[in-house]
Amino acid sequence: MLLKKYSFLAVLCLSLSALVFLSGCGVKPSRLDPPPGAEDTEFPNTYPSSVEG
C-alpha cells in the first residue's frame, strides 16, 4: 500500500513538473526589436555581394 502511494505521488509530481516546463513552450514576445545596426543595411541584397576592392 505504501509503494502504491509513493508511485502515485511520483507520477503526480512528474506530470505537474512536465506541465510547468511545457507551458512555457510557444510563448512569443509581443514585440521584437531589430538587432543593432539593422537600420544601416540596404535591402534587398544580392547574393553573392559584388564588392569591388
Protein backbone atom coordinates (compact mmCIF):
# COMPACT_ATOMS: atom_id res chain seq x y z
CA MET A 1 0.00 0.00 0.00
CA LEU A 2 2.85 2.36 0.83
CA LEU A 3 4.53 1.67 -2.53
CA LYS A 4 1.30 2.47 -4.35
CA LYS A 5 1.06 5.79 -2.54
CA TYR A 6 4.65 6.74 -3.39
CA SER A 7 4.28 5.75 -7.03
CA PHE A 8 1.10 7.83 -7.31
CA LEU A 9 2.89 10.82 -5.76
CA ALA A 10 5.86 10.33 -8.08
CA VAL A 11 3.63 10.26 -11.16
CA LEU A 12 1.75 13.30 -9.89
CA CYS A 13 4.97 15.25 -9.30
CA LEU A 14 6.39 14.29 -12.68
CA SER A 15 3.24 15.27 -14.54
CA LEU A 16 2.99 18.59 -12.69
CA SER A 17 6.62 19.41 -13.42
CA ALA A 18 6.17 18.45 -17.08
CA LEU A 19 3.13 20.71 -17.22
CA VAL A 20 5.10 23.62 -15.78
CA PHE A 21 8.06 23.13 -18.12
CA LEU A 22 5.96 22.63 -21.24
CA SER A 23 3.65 25.54 -20.54
CA GLY A 24 6.44 27.95 -21.48
CA CYS A 25 6.86 26.45 -24.95
CA GLY A 26 5.48 28.57 -27.73
CA VAL A 27 5.27 31.80 -25.73
CA LYS A 28 6.21 34.60 -28.10
CA PRO A 29 7.06 38.18 -27.20
CA SER A 30 4.52 40.79 -28.20
CA ARG A 31 7.16 42.94 -29.90
CA LEU A 32 10.55 42.19 -31.46
CA ASP A 33 13.15 44.89 -31.94
CA PRO A 34 15.66 44.63 -34.78
CA PRO A 35 19.28 43.93 -33.87
CA PRO A 36 21.65 46.90 -33.54
CA GLY A 37 22.88 48.11 -36.91
CA ALA A 38 19.93 46.73 -38.85
CA GLU A 39 18.81 50.20 -39.85
CA ASP A 40 22.08 50.80 -41.73
CA THR A 41 21.76 47.86 -44.13
CA GLU A 42 20.42 48.03 -47.67
CA PHE A 43 17.77 45.55 -48.64
CA PRO A 44 17.36 43.57 -50.80
CA ASN A 45 20.92 42.33 -51.02
CA THR A 46 22.14 40.23 -53.89
CA TYR A 47 23.94 37.01 -53.15
CA PRO A 48 26.88 36.88 -53.51
CA SER A 49 27.55 40.52 -52.88
CA SER A 50 29.55 42.15 -55.67
CA VAL A 51 32.03 44.18 -53.65
CA GLU A 52 34.91 45.66 -55.64
CA GLY A 53 38.17 46.07 -53.89
